[in-house]
Every structure is written in C-alpha cells, then in structure tokens.
Amino acid sequence: QVQLVESGGGLVQAGGSLRLSCAASGGIFSLNAMGWYRQAPGKQRELVATIFRNDSTNYADSVKGRFTISRDTARNTVYLQMSTLKPEDTAVYYCRFYSTYTPRDYWGQGTQVTVSS
C-alpha cells in the first residue's frame, strides 16, 4: 500500500520562499509521474507542476520561473521549491504519485500555503 505524507507549508510574506516535501511509503516502483496540485478557496484544483521518470517537467504558466519541482528517487520524495511567492499562490497544496499507464493514483493529505500581502 502507498501513503504520501506532505510537509513544509506555512505562512510567508509576498516575495518569500517555501519548500514543500512529499515522502511516499509503500510500493511505488511502477509509478512514473509525480506532481503538485493546489486548490484555493472557491476554486477548482489545478495542476502546478509535474515531473516524470525521464526528468521531463511541466509547469503551470502562472508559476513558470518561480517554482521548481524536483525529486529524490532514493528517498521516494518529491519537492516543490516556491520562490517569489504571491498572495494568489495561497492554497492547499497536494502531492500526487501516479502512473500514466495504469489506474494507480495516490494523493497526499494536503498542506496549507498562505502568502500575505
């Protein structure tokens, strides 16, 4: 069984930085994709960034140049380095480990990021 545990959220002023971490336990060998999503109050959940086993990445236009997704395969951990944070980045952030070939799909519990003006 797979469980994802997130950490690193908090309160930060606009222009500041945070790093989110998501560590997985259990069998994730067949999962080739890892991603970060966010959901702000009253908004749909949206994709923030994705990284694949071949190290290719995708970013939402709103975070390009400010956020960086990375992974530590040995530790089964994915990170989201967030810089130059804006109030509109305020949301609950969720990590996701999944397969693009099978229905396997696992989500973290969410971590709150709040950016003050």
Protein backbone atom coordinates (compact mmCIF):
# COMPACT_ATOMS: atom_id res chain seq x y z
CA GLN A 1 0.00 0.00 0.00
CA VAL A 2 1.12 3.55 -0.73
CA GLN A 3 0.91 6.51 1.64
CA LEU A 4 2.06 10.07 0.90
CA VAL A 5 2.97 12.49 3.70
CA GLU A 6 3.38 16.19 2.95
CA SER A 7 5.26 18.84 4.91
CA GLY A 8 6.64 22.35 4.52
CA GLY A 9 3.56 24.51 4.27
CA GLY A 10 3.10 27.66 6.30
CA LEU A 11 2.63 31.40 6.32
CA VAL A 12 5.01 33.60 4.34
CA GLN A 13 5.09 37.20 3.15
CA ALA A 14 4.80 38.06 -0.52
CA GLY A 15 8.17 37.70 -2.19
CA GLY A 16 9.27 34.96 0.17
CA SER A 17 10.01 31.29 -0.40
CA LEU A 18 8.88 27.89 0.85
CA ARG A 19 9.84 24.32 0.02
CA LEU A 20 7.22 21.60 0.14
CA SER A 21 8.14 17.94 0.55
CA CYS A 22 6.15 14.79 -0.08
CA ALA A 23 7.51 11.42 1.01
CA ALA A 24 5.96 8.16 -0.13
CA SER A 25 5.98 4.81 1.60
CA GLY A 26 4.97 1.51 0.11
CA GLY A 27 5.44 0.13 -3.35
CA ILE A 28 5.77 2.94 -5.87
CA PHE A 29 8.16 1.28 -8.31
CA SER A 30 5.62 1.32 -11.14
CA LEU A 31 4.65 4.98 -10.65
CA ASN A 32 6.36 7.10 -13.29
CA ALA A 33 4.94 10.54 -12.52
CA MET A 34 4.90 12.88 -9.54
CA GLY A 35 3.08 16.16 -9.32
CA TRP A 36 1.91 19.05 -7.22
CA TYR A 37 -1.60 20.48 -7.36
CA ARG A 38 -3.28 23.27 -5.47
CA GLN A 39 -6.78 24.33 -4.57
CA ALA A 40 -7.66 27.83 -3.40
CA PRO A 41 -10.94 28.62 -1.61
CA GLY A 42 -13.79 28.64 -4.11
CA LYS A 43 -11.55 27.43 -6.92
CA GLN A 44 -11.03 24.19 -8.82
CA ARG A 45 -7.99 22.09 -8.06
CA GLU A 46 -5.29 22.90 -10.61
CA LEU A 47 -2.02 21.38 -11.73
CA VAL A 48 1.05 23.28 -10.55
CA ALA A 49 3.96 21.12 -11.71
CA THR A 50 4.75 17.57 -12.79
CA ILE A 51 7.98 15.61 -13.06
CA PHE A 52 8.36 12.29 -14.85
CA ARG A 53 10.80 9.41 -14.54
CA ASN A 54 12.76 10.69 -17.53
CA ASP A 55 13.22 14.04 -15.69
CA SER A 56 10.96 16.00 -18.01
CA THR A 57 8.83 18.61 -16.25
CA ASN A 58 5.67 20.60 -16.84
CA TYR A 59 4.63 23.82 -15.10
CA ALA A 60 1.51 25.90 -15.00
CA ASP A 61 2.04 29.22 -16.75
CA SER A 62 1.32 31.07 -13.51
CA VAL A 63 4.33 29.54 -11.73
CA LYS A 64 6.92 29.25 -14.50
CA GLY A 65 10.18 30.86 -13.46
CA ARG A 66 9.18 30.92 -9.79
CA PHE A 67 8.56 27.29 -8.81
CA THR A 68 10.81 24.27 -9.32
CA ILE A 69 9.78 20.64 -8.97
CA SER A 70 12.42 18.04 -8.16
CA ARG A 71 12.71 14.53 -6.79
CA ASP A 72 14.95 12.30 -4.73
CA THR A 73 14.33 8.83 -6.05
CA ALA A 74 16.29 7.09 -3.28
CA ARG A 75 14.11 8.74 -0.63
CA ASN A 76 10.85 8.38 -2.61
CA THR A 77 10.35 12.10 -2.18
CA VAL A 78 9.18 14.91 -4.43
CA TYR A 79 9.78 18.59 -3.67
CA LEU A 80 8.32 21.89 -4.74
CA GLN A 81 10.59 24.89 -4.27
CA MET A 82 8.44 28.01 -4.36
CA SER A 83 10.06 31.43 -4.74
CA THR A 84 8.80 34.97 -5.27
CA LEU A 85 5.51 33.92 -3.73
CA LYS A 86 2.40 35.96 -4.42
CA PRO A 87 -0.87 36.22 -2.49
CA GLU A 88 -2.59 34.40 -5.35
CA ASP A 89 -0.41 31.36 -4.60
CA THR A 90 -2.37 30.89 -1.37
CA ALA A 91 -3.95 27.43 -1.48
CA VAL A 92 -3.86 23.93 -0.12
CA TYR A 93 -1.12 22.08 -1.98
CA TYR A 94 -1.42 18.37 -2.71
CA CYS A 95 1.22 15.98 -3.95
CA ARG A 96 0.42 13.10 -6.26
CA PHE A 97 2.25 9.95 -7.28
CA TYR A 98 0.67 8.22 -10.25
CA SER A 99 1.11 6.16 -13.36
CA THR A 100 0.42 7.37 -16.88
CA TYR A 101 -0.05 3.74 -17.94
CA THR A 102 -2.26 2.22 -15.21
CA PRO A 103 -5.07 3.43 -12.91
CA ARG A 104 -2.69 3.67 -9.92
CA ASP A 105 -3.06 7.12 -8.35
CA TYR A 106 -2.14 8.31 -4.84
CA TRP A 107 -2.59 11.68 -3.15
CA GLY A 108 -1.13 13.38 -0.10
CA GLN A 109 -3.24 14.89 2.65
CA GLY A 110 -2.60 18.49 1.60
CA THR A 111 -0.57 21.26 3.20
CA GLN A 112 -1.68 24.87 3.58
CA VAL A 113 0.38 27.65 1.99
CA THR A 114 -0.66 31.18 2.89
CA VAL A 115 1.03 34.21 1.32
CA SER A 116 0.31 37.56 2.94
CA SER A 117 0.46 40.95 1.23
